[in-house]
Amino acid sequence: MSERAVLRRCVSCRQLLDRRQLWRVIRLAGGGMALDRGMGRSAYVCPNPVCVEEARRRRKLQKALRCQVADSIIAALEQRLQSTPAAGAEAR
């Protein structure tokens, strides 16, 4: 039996993709924010410069997570874009 893909929606482009292709931003249950690992409310964004910029500019992550998103989280996503060889590469 093959493993079924778990689909999640990008907060910017609203495209439904396998969660392994997206970057996960988490509002941790105990307070604070994290990328990729942890328990709490999550929002997903494509590893695409347009989606990351749109999420920053229109405050899409804040709306999805229902809290303020630190500039350091946005900066970390932008840093990942520069270190990722292909914008469409898997997020992990």
PDB file of N, CA and C in Angstrom:
ATOM      1  N   MET A   1       0.834  -1.162   0.000  1.00  0.00           N
ATOM      2  CA  MET A   1       0.000   0.000   0.000  1.00  0.00           C
ATOM      3  C   MET A   1       0.892   1.242   0.000  1.00  0.00           C
ATOM      4  N   SER A   2       0.627   2.195  -0.884  1.00  0.00           N
ATOM      5  CA  SER A   2       1.471   3.383  -0.967  1.00  0.00           C
ATOM      6  C   SER A   2       1.019   4.437   0.033  1.00  0.00           C
ATOM      7  N   GLU A   3       1.972   5.253   0.432  1.00  0.00           N
ATOM      8  CA  GLU A   3       1.690   6.310   1.393  1.00  0.00           C
ATOM      9  C   GLU A   3       0.939   7.451   0.711  1.00  0.00           C
ATOM     10  N   ARG A   4      -0.178   7.867   1.298  1.00  0.00           N
ATOM     11  CA  ARG A   4      -0.956   8.959   0.724  1.00  0.00           C
ATOM     12  C   ARG A   4      -0.299  10.289   1.036  1.00  0.00           C
ATOM     13  N   ALA A   5      -0.326  11.198   0.069  1.00  0.00           N
ATOM     14  CA  ALA A   5       0.223  12.527   0.274  1.00  0.00           C
ATOM     15  C   ALA A   5      -0.689  13.312   1.217  1.00  0.00           C
ATOM     16  N   VAL A   6      -0.076  14.044   2.136  1.00  0.00           N
ATOM     17  CA  VAL A   6      -0.824  14.912   3.026  1.00  0.00           C
ATOM     18  C   VAL A   6      -0.764  16.303   2.410  1.00  0.00           C
ATOM     19  N   LEU A   7      -1.918  16.830   2.040  1.00  0.00           N
ATOM     20  CA  LEU A   7      -1.977  18.095   1.324  1.00  0.00           C
ATOM     21  C   LEU A   7      -2.176  19.266   2.280  1.00  0.00           C
ATOM     22  N   ARG A   8      -1.487  20.357   1.987  1.00  0.00           N
ATOM     23  CA  ARG A   8      -1.627  21.601   2.723  1.00  0.00           C
ATOM     24  C   ARG A   8      -1.679  22.740   1.708  1.00  0.00           C
ATOM     25  N   ARG A   9      -2.240  23.887   2.122  1.00  0.00           N
ATOM     26  CA  ARG A   9      -2.425  25.022   1.229  1.00  0.00           C
ATOM     27  C   ARG A   9      -1.460  26.148   1.599  1.00  0.00           C
ATOM     28  N   CYS A  10      -0.794  26.695   0.586  1.00  0.00           N
ATOM     29  CA  CYS A  10       0.094  27.850   0.774  1.00  0.00           C
ATOM     30  C   CYS A  10      -0.767  29.057   1.144  1.00  0.00           C
ATOM     31  N   VAL A  11      -0.338  29.825   2.163  1.00  0.00           N
ATOM     32  CA  VAL A  11      -1.116  30.990   2.586  1.00  0.00           C
ATOM     33  C   VAL A  11      -1.102  32.101   1.541  1.00  0.00           C
ATOM     34  N   SER A  12      -0.116  32.104   0.649  1.00  0.00           N
ATOM     35  CA  SER A  12      -0.013  33.168  -0.347  1.00  0.00           C
ATOM     36  C   SER A  12      -0.743  32.846  -1.639  1.00  0.00           C
ATOM     37  N   CYS A  13      -0.315  31.793  -2.321  1.00  0.00           N
ATOM     38  CA  CYS A  13      -0.888  31.474  -3.634  1.00  0.00           C
ATOM     39  C   CYS A  13      -2.123  30.579  -3.545  1.00  0.00           C
ATOM     40  N   ARG A  14      -2.394  30.041  -2.346  1.00  0.00           N
ATOM     41  CA  ARG A  14      -3.555  29.180  -2.081  1.00  0.00           C
ATOM     42  C   ARG A  14      -3.502  27.856  -2.838  1.00  0.00           C
ATOM     43  N   GLN A  15      -2.341  27.496  -3.360  1.00  0.00           N
ATOM     44  CA  GLN A  15      -2.179  26.230  -4.079  1.00  0.00           C
ATOM     45  C   GLN A  15      -2.107  25.079  -3.084  1.00  0.00           C
ATOM     46  N   LEU A  16      -2.780  23.990  -3.402  1.00  0.00           N
ATOM     47  CA  LEU A  16      -2.792  22.797  -2.568  1.00  0.00           C
ATOM     48  C   LEU A  16      -1.642  21.896  -3.008  1.00  0.00           C
ATOM     49  N   LEU A  17      -0.693  21.635  -2.080  1.00  0.00           N
ATOM     50  CA  LEU A  17       0.507  20.844  -2.386  1.00  0.00           C
ATOM     51  C   LEU A  17       0.771  19.843  -1.271  1.00  0.00           C
ATOM     52  N   ASP A  18       1.613  18.853  -1.592  1.00  0.00           N
ATOM     53  CA  ASP A  18       2.105  17.924  -0.574  1.00  0.00           C
ATOM     54  C   ASP A  18       2.859  18.747   0.480  1.00  0.00           C
ATOM     55  N   ARG A  19       2.612  18.475   1.751  1.00  0.00           N
ATOM     56  CA  ARG A  19       3.219  19.291   2.805  1.00  0.00           C
ATOM     57  C   ARG A  19       4.741  19.261   2.780  1.00  0.00           C
ATOM     58  N   ARG A  20       5.334  18.215   2.187  1.00  0.00           N
ATOM     59  CA  ARG A  20       6.807  18.146   2.114  1.00  0.00           C
ATOM     60  C   ARG A  20       7.377  19.163   1.135  1.00  0.00           C
ATOM     61  N   GLN A  21       6.545  19.739   0.300  1.00  0.00           N
ATOM     62  CA  GLN A  21       6.998  20.750  -0.660  1.00  0.00           C
ATOM     63  C   GLN A  21       6.866  22.165  -0.109  1.00  0.00           C
ATOM     64  N   LEU A  22       6.308  22.301   1.084  1.00  0.00           N
ATOM     65  CA  LEU A  22       6.057  23.616   1.663  1.00  0.00           C
ATOM     66  C   LEU A  22       6.894  23.838   2.911  1.00  0.00           C
ATOM     67  N   TRP A  23       7.074  25.112   3.267  1.00  0.00           N
ATOM     68  CA  TRP A  23       7.736  25.463   4.517  1.00  0.00           C
ATOM     69  C   TRP A  23       6.664  25.696   5.559  1.00  0.00           C
ATOM     70  N   ARG A  24       6.858  25.145   6.750  1.00  0.00           N
ATOM     71  CA  ARG A  24       5.876  25.231   7.825  1.00  0.00           C
ATOM     72  C   ARG A  24       6.328  26.256   8.863  1.00  0.00           C
ATOM     73  N   VAL A  25       5.431  27.177   9.185  1.00  0.00           N
ATOM     74  CA  VAL A  25       5.661  28.161  10.242  1.00  0.00           C
ATOM     75  C   VAL A  25       4.690  27.814  11.359  1.00  0.00           C
ATOM     76  N   ILE A  26       5.192  27.682  12.593  1.00  0.00           N
ATOM     77  CA  ILE A  26       4.373  27.206  13.706  1.00  0.00           C
ATOM     78  C   ILE A  26       4.318  28.247  14.816  1.00  0.00           C
ATOM     79  N   ARG A  27       3.105  28.496  15.305  1.00  0.00           N
ATOM     80  CA  ARG A  27       2.924  29.244  16.554  1.00  0.00           C
ATOM     81  C   ARG A  27       2.896  28.180  17.640  1.00  0.00           C
ATOM     82  N   LEU A  28       3.964  28.093  18.394  1.00  0.00           N
ATOM     83  CA  LEU A  28       4.116  27.032  19.384  1.00  0.00           C
ATOM     84  C   LEU A  28       3.072  27.149  20.491  1.00  0.00           C
ATOM     85  N   ALA A  29       2.635  26.004  20.977  1.00  0.00           N
ATOM     86  CA  ALA A  29       1.614  25.951  22.020  1.00  0.00           C
ATOM     87  C   ALA A  29       2.075  26.676  23.288  1.00  0.00           C
ATOM     88  N   GLY A  30       3.348  26.604  23.592  1.00  0.00           N
ATOM     89  CA  GLY A  30       3.890  27.244  24.789  1.00  0.00           C
ATOM     90  C   GLY A  30       4.296  28.690  24.588  1.00  0.00           C
ATOM     91  N   GLY A  31       4.014  29.237  23.421  1.00  0.00           N
ATOM     92  CA  GLY A  31       4.423  30.604  23.092  1.00  0.00           C
ATOM     93  C   GLY A  31       5.648  30.589  22.209  1.00  0.00           C
ATOM     94  N   GLY A  32       5.782  31.570  21.367  1.00  0.00           N
ATOM     95  CA  GLY A  32       6.918  31.669  20.469  1.00  0.00           C
ATOM     96  C   GLY A  32       6.591  31.105  19.089  1.00  0.00           C
ATOM     97  N   MET A  33       7.593  31.145  18.227  1.00  0.00           N
ATOM     98  CA  MET A  33       7.440  30.716  16.842  1.00  0.00           C
ATOM     99  C   MET A  33       8.570  29.755  16.493  1.00  0.00           C
ATOM    100  N   ALA A  34       8.311  28.913  15.489  1.00  0.00           N
ATOM    101  CA  ALA A  34       9.337  27.975  15.022  1.00  0.00           C
ATOM    102  C   ALA A  34       9.097  27.684  13.548  1.00  0.00           C
ATOM    103  N   LEU A  35      10.116  27.138  12.917  1.00  0.00           N
ATOM    104  CA  LEU A  35      10.021  26.682  11.527  1.00  0.00           C
ATOM    105  C   LEU A  35      10.150  25.167  11.490  1.00  0.00           C
ATOM    106  N   ASP A  36       9.273  24.507  10.779  1.00  0.00           N
ATOM    107  CA  ASP A  36       9.304  23.077  10.463  1.00  0.00           C
ATOM    108  C   ASP A  36       8.998  22.101  11.598  1.00  0.00           C
ATOM    109  N   ARG A  37       9.457  22.329  12.797  1.00  0.00           N
ATOM    110  CA  ARG A  37       9.266  21.355  13.870  1.00  0.00           C
ATOM    111  C   ARG A  37       8.566  21.991  15.060  1.00  0.00           C
ATOM    112  N   GLY A  38       7.644  21.240  15.635  1.00  0.00           N
ATOM    113  CA  GLY A  38       6.976  21.700  16.843  1.00  0.00           C
ATOM    114  C   GLY A  38       5.484  21.457  16.776  1.00  0.00           C
ATOM    115  N   MET A  39       4.849  21.608  17.929  1.00  0.00           N
ATOM    116  CA  MET A  39       3.406  21.413  18.030  1.00  0.00           C
ATOM    117  C   MET A  39       2.747  22.775  18.209  1.00  0.00           C
ATOM    118  N   GLY A  40       1.686  22.977  17.484  1.00  0.00           N
ATOM    119  CA  GLY A  40       0.942  24.221  17.604  1.00  0.00           C
ATOM    120  C   GLY A  40       0.250  24.547  16.299  1.00  0.00           C
ATOM    121  N   ARG A  41      -0.307  25.726  16.216  1.00  0.00           N
ATOM    122  CA  ARG A  41      -1.012  26.166  15.022  1.00  0.00           C
ATOM    123  C   ARG A  41       0.006  26.405  13.915  1.00  0.00           C
ATOM    124  N   SER A  42      -0.288  25.885  12.709  1.00  0.00           N
ATOM    125  CA  SER A  42       0.664  25.961  11.604  1.00  0.00           C
ATOM    126  C   SER A  42       0.104  26.702  10.411  1.00  0.00           C
ATOM    127  N   ALA A  43       1.014  27.288   9.652  1.00  0.00           N
ATOM    128  CA  ALA A  43       0.700  27.879   8.362  1.00  0.00           C
ATOM    129  C   ALA A  43       1.816  27.448   7.416  1.00  0.00           C
ATOM    130  N   TYR A  44       1.488  27.301   6.148  1.00  0.00           N
ATOM    131  CA  TYR A  44       2.451  26.821   5.160  1.00  0.00           C
ATOM    132  C   TYR A  44       2.649  27.851   4.071  1.00  0.00           C
ATOM    133  N   VAL A  45       3.887  27.925   3.567  1.00  0.00           N
ATOM    134  CA  VAL A  45       4.204  28.835   2.468  1.00  0.00           C
ATOM    135  C   VAL A  45       5.108  28.110   1.474  1.00  0.00           C
ATOM    136  N   CYS A  46       4.890  28.381   0.192  1.00  0.00           N
ATOM    137  CA  CYS A  46       5.709  27.774  -0.867  1.00  0.00           C
ATOM    138  C   CYS A  46       7.144  28.283  -0.774  1.00  0.00           C
ATOM    139  N   PRO A  47       8.120  27.457  -1.136  1.00  0.00           N
ATOM    140  CA  PRO A  47       9.513  27.923  -1.188  1.00  0.00           C
ATOM    141  C   PRO A  47       9.737  28.703  -2.482  1.00  0.00           C
ATOM    142  N   ASN A  48       8.989  29.792  -2.627  1.00  0.00           N
ATOM    143  CA  ASN A  48       8.962  30.592  -3.838  1.00  0.00           C
ATOM    144  C   ASN A  48       9.093  32.059  -3.416  1.00  0.00           C
ATOM    145  N   PRO A  49       9.990  32.825  -4.047  1.00  0.00           N
ATOM    146  CA  PRO A  49      10.170  34.227  -3.637  1.00  0.00           C
ATOM    147  C   PRO A  49       8.885  35.047  -3.698  1.00  0.00           C
ATOM    148  N   VAL A  50       8.056  34.799  -4.679  1.00  0.00           N
ATOM    149  CA  VAL A  50       6.806  35.545  -4.818  1.00  0.00           C
ATOM    150  C   VAL A  50       5.878  35.257  -3.633  1.00  0.00           C
ATOM    151  N   CYS A  51       5.768  33.991  -3.248  1.00  0.00           N
ATOM    152  CA  CYS A  51       4.894  33.619  -2.129  1.00  0.00           C
ATOM    153  C   CYS A  51       5.409  34.159  -0.796  1.00  0.00           C
ATOM    154  N   VAL A  52       6.710  34.087  -0.568  1.00  0.00           N
ATOM    155  CA  VAL A  52       7.278  34.599   0.683  1.00  0.00           C
ATOM    156  C   VAL A  52       7.079  36.114   0.763  1.00  0.00           C
ATOM    157  N   GLU A  53       7.322  36.815  -0.331  1.00  0.00           N
ATOM    158  CA  GLU A  53       7.135  38.267  -0.356  1.00  0.00           C
ATOM    159  C   GLU A  53       5.669  38.644  -0.145  1.00  0.00           C
ATOM    160  N   GLU A  54       4.774  37.920  -0.791  1.00  0.00           N
ATOM    161  CA  GLU A  54       3.340  38.167  -0.638  1.00  0.00           C
ATOM    162  C   GLU A  54       2.895  37.913   0.810  1.00  0.00           C
ATOM    163  N   ALA A  55       3.407  36.852   1.415  1.00  0.00           N
ATOM    164  CA  ALA A  55       3.080  36.549   2.809  1.00  0.00           C
ATOM    165  C   ALA A  55       3.565  37.659   3.733  1.00  0.00           C
ATOM    166  N   ARG A  56       4.735  38.205   3.446  1.00  0.00           N
ATOM    167  CA  ARG A  56       5.278  39.303   4.258  1.00  0.00           C
ATOM    168  C   ARG A  56       4.483  40.583   4.038  1.00  0.00           C
ATOM    169  N   ARG A  57       4.288  40.935   2.786  1.00  0.00           N
ATOM    170  CA  ARG A  57       3.668  42.217   2.439  1.00  0.00           C
ATOM    171  C   ARG A  57       2.206  42.300   2.881  1.00  0.00           C
ATOM    172  N   ARG A  58       1.467  41.230   2.687  1.00  0.00           N
ATOM    173  CA  ARG A  58       0.038  41.230   3.022  1.00  0.00           C
ATOM    174  C   ARG A  58      -0.279  40.586   4.374  1.00  0.00           C
ATOM    175  N   ARG A  59       0.779  40.301   5.141  1.00  0.00           N
ATOM    176  CA  ARG A  59       0.637  39.763   6.500  1.00  0.00           C
ATOM    177  C   ARG A  59      -0.196  38.478   6.534  1.00  0.00           C
ATOM    178  N   LYS A  60       0.027  37.616   5.553  1.00  0.00           N
ATOM    179  CA  LYS A  60      -0.742  36.369   5.441  1.00  0.00           C
ATOM    180  C   LYS A  60      -0.427  35.397   6.571  1.00  0.00           C
ATOM    181  N   LEU A  61       0.830  35.339   6.994  1.00  0.00           N
ATOM    182  CA  LEU A  61       1.192  34.435   8.093  1.00  0.00           C
ATOM    183  C   LEU A  61       0.553  34.892   9.405  1.00  0.00           C
ATOM    184  N   GLN A  62       0.555  36.202   9.648  1.00  0.00           N
ATOM    185  CA  GLN A  62      -0.074  36.719  10.857  1.00  0.00           C
ATOM    186  C   GLN A  62      -1.548  36.354  10.897  1.00  0.00           C
ATOM    187  N   LYS A  63      -2.226  36.486   9.770  1.00  0.00           N
ATOM    188  CA  LYS A  63      -3.656  36.178   9.717  1.00  0.00           C
ATOM    189  C   LYS A  63      -3.907  34.686   9.937  1.00  0.00           C
ATOM    190  N   ALA A  64      -3.093  33.846   9.294  1.00  0.00           N
ATOM    191  CA  ALA A  64      -3.283  32.396   9.420  1.00  0.00           C
ATOM    192  C   ALA A  64      -2.966  31.893  10.831  1.00  0.00           C
ATOM    193  N   LEU A  65      -1.937  32.465  11.443  1.00  0.00           N
ATOM    194  CA  LEU A  65      -1.507  32.011  12.768  1.00  0.00           C
ATOM    195  C   LEU A  65      -2.204  32.759  13.907  1.00  0.00           C
ATOM    196  N   ARG A  66      -2.915  33.822  13.558  1.00  0.00           N
ATOM    197  CA  ARG A  66      -3.646  34.635  14.541  1.00  0.00           C
ATOM    198  C   ARG A  66      -2.728  35.202  15.619  1.00  0.00           C
ATOM    199  N   CYS A  67      -1.551  35.660  15.194  1.00  0.00           N
ATOM    200  CA  CYS A  67      -0.613  36.301  16.118  1.00  0.00           C
ATOM    201  C   CYS A  67       0.420  37.080  15.310  1.00  0.00           C
ATOM    202  N   GLN A  68       1.227  37.880  15.991  1.00  0.00           N
ATOM    203  CA  GLN A  68       2.311  38.581  15.331  1.00  0.00           C
ATOM    204  C   GLN A  68       3.403  37.582  14.936  1.00  0.00           C
ATOM    205  N   VAL A  69       3.962  37.752  13.759  1.00  0.00           N
ATOM    206  CA  VAL A  69       5.074  36.912  13.310  1.00  0.00           C
ATOM    207  C   VAL A  69       6.336  37.772  13.353  1.00  0.00           C
ATOM    208  N   ALA A  70       7.323  37.295  14.070  1.00  0.00           N
ATOM    209  CA  ALA A  70       8.568  38.044  14.247  1.00  0.00           C
ATOM    210  C   ALA A  70       9.278  38.235  12.908  1.00  0.00           C
ATOM    211  N   ASP A  71       9.944  39.382  12.794  1.00  0.00           N
ATOM    212  CA  ASP A  71      10.719  39.661  11.583  1.00  0.00           C
ATOM    213  C   ASP A  71      11.789  38.597  11.370  1.00  0.00           C
ATOM    214  N   SER A  72      12.268  37.991  12.449  1.00  0.00           N
ATOM    215  CA  SER A  72      13.307  36.963  12.331  1.00  0.00           C
ATOM    216  C   SER A  72      12.786  35.733  11.577  1.00  0.00           C
ATOM    217  N   ILE A  73      11.495  35.424  11.712  1.00  0.00           N
ATOM    218  CA  ILE A  73      10.905  34.287  10.991  1.00  0.00           C
ATOM    219  C   ILE A  73      10.875  34.591   9.495  1.00  0.00           C
ATOM    220  N   ILE A  74      10.428  35.796   9.135  1.00  0.00           N
ATOM    221  CA  ILE A  74      10.401  36.209   7.727  1.00  0.00           C
ATOM    222  C   ILE A  74      11.824  36.233   7.172  1.00  0.00           C
ATOM    223  N   ALA A  75      12.769  36.743   7.958  1.00  0.00           N
ATOM    224  CA  ALA A  75      14.172  36.789   7.528  1.00  0.00           C
ATOM    225  C   ALA A  75      14.715  35.372   7.310  1.00  0.00           C
ATOM    226  N   ALA A  76      14.336  34.433   8.174  1.00  0.00           N
ATOM    227  CA  ALA A  76      14.789  33.042   8.021  1.00  0.00           C
ATOM    228  C   ALA A  76      14.234  32.436   6.739  1.00  0.00           C
ATOM    229  N   LEU A  77      12.978  32.735   6.416  1.00  0.00           N
ATOM    230  CA  LEU A  77      12.396  32.238   5.164  1.00  0.00           C
ATOM    231  C   LEU A  77      13.111  32.833   3.958  1.00  0.00           C
ATOM    232  N   GLU A  78      13.393  34.125   4.013  1.00  0.00           N
ATOM    233  CA  GLU A  78      14.109  34.773   2.913  1.00  0.00           C
ATOM    234  C   GLU A  78      15.527  34.210   2.777  1.00  0.00           C
ATOM    235  N   GLN A  79      16.163  33.903   3.909  1.00  0.00           N
ATOM    236  CA  GLN A  79      17.500  33.296   3.881  1.00  0.00           C
ATOM    237  C   GLN A  79      17.452  31.921   3.219  1.00  0.00           C
ATOM    238  N   ARG A  80      16.417  31.148   3.519  1.00  0.00           N
ATOM    239  CA  ARG A  80      16.256  29.834   2.892  1.00  0.00           C
ATOM    240  C   ARG A  80      16.123  29.958   1.382  1.00  0.00           C
ATOM    241  N   LEU A  81      15.429  30.992   0.933  1.00  0.00           N
ATOM    242  CA  LEU A  81      15.268  31.190  -0.511  1.00  0.00           C
ATOM    243  C   LEU A  81      16.623  31.344  -1.190  1.00  0.00           C
ATOM    244  N   GLN A  82      17.517  32.081  -0.524  1.00  0.00           N
ATOM    245  CA  GLN A  82      18.831  32.324  -1.103  1.00  0.00           C
ATOM    246  C   GLN A  82      19.728  31.095  -1.042  1.00  0.00           C
ATOM    247  N   SER A  83      19.482  30.215  -0.072  1.00  0.00           N
ATOM    248  CA  SER A  83      20.317  29.021   0.046  1.00  0.00           C
ATOM    249  C   SER A  83      19.736  27.826  -0.707  1.00  0.00           C
ATOM    250  N   THR A  84      18.486  27.939  -1.184  1.00  0.00           N
ATOM    251  CA  THR A  84      17.852  26.868  -1.935  1.00  0.00           C
ATOM    252  C   THR A  84      18.241  26.989  -3.402  1.00  0.00           C
ATOM    253  N   PRO A  85      18.846  25.946  -3.988  1.00  0.00           N
ATOM    254  CA  PRO A  85      19.288  26.037  -5.379  1.00  0.00           C
ATOM    255  C   PRO A  85      18.139  26.247  -6.371  1.00  0.00           C
ATOM    256  N   ALA A  86      17.030  25.575  -6.156  1.00  0.00           N
ATOM    257  CA  ALA A  86      15.871  25.712  -7.062  1.00  0.00           C
ATOM    258  C   ALA A  86      14.665  26.083  -6.212  1.00  0.00           C
ATOM    259  N   ALA A  87      13.944  27.112  -6.626  1.00  0.00           N
ATOM    260  CA  ALA A  87      12.810  27.600  -5.834  1.00  0.00           C
ATOM    261  C   ALA A  87      11.740  26.513  -5.649  1.00  0.00           C
ATOM    262  N   GLY A  88      11.641  25.581  -6.566  1.00  0.00           N
ATOM    263  CA  GLY A  88      10.637  24.546  -6.449  1.00  0.00           C
ATOM    264  C   GLY A  88      11.112  23.303  -5.728  1.00  0.00           C
ATOM    265  N   ALA A  89      12.304  23.343  -5.138  1.00  0.00           N
ATOM    266  CA  ALA A  89      12.845  22.165  -4.460  1.00  0.00           C
ATOM    267  C   ALA A  89      12.044  21.860  -3.200  1.00  0.00           C
ATOM    268  N   GLU A  90      12.148  20.635  -2.729  1.00  0.00           N
ATOM    269  CA  GLU A  90      11.449  20.258  -1.506  1.00  0.00           C
ATOM    270  C   GLU A  90      11.940  21.081  -0.330  1.00  0.00           C
ATOM    271  N   ALA A  91      11.057  21.366   0.565  1.00  0.00           N
ATOM    272  CA  ALA A  91      11.351  22.274   1.671  1.00  0.00           C
ATOM    273  C   ALA A  91      12.267  21.654   2.716  1.00  0.00           C
ATOM    274  N   ARG A  92      12.318  20.368   2.834  1.00  0.00           N
ATOM    275  CA  ARG A  92      13.121  19.770   3.916  1.00  0.00           C
ATOM    276  C   ARG A  92      14.395  19.204   3.397  1.00  0.00           C
TER     277      ARG A  92
END
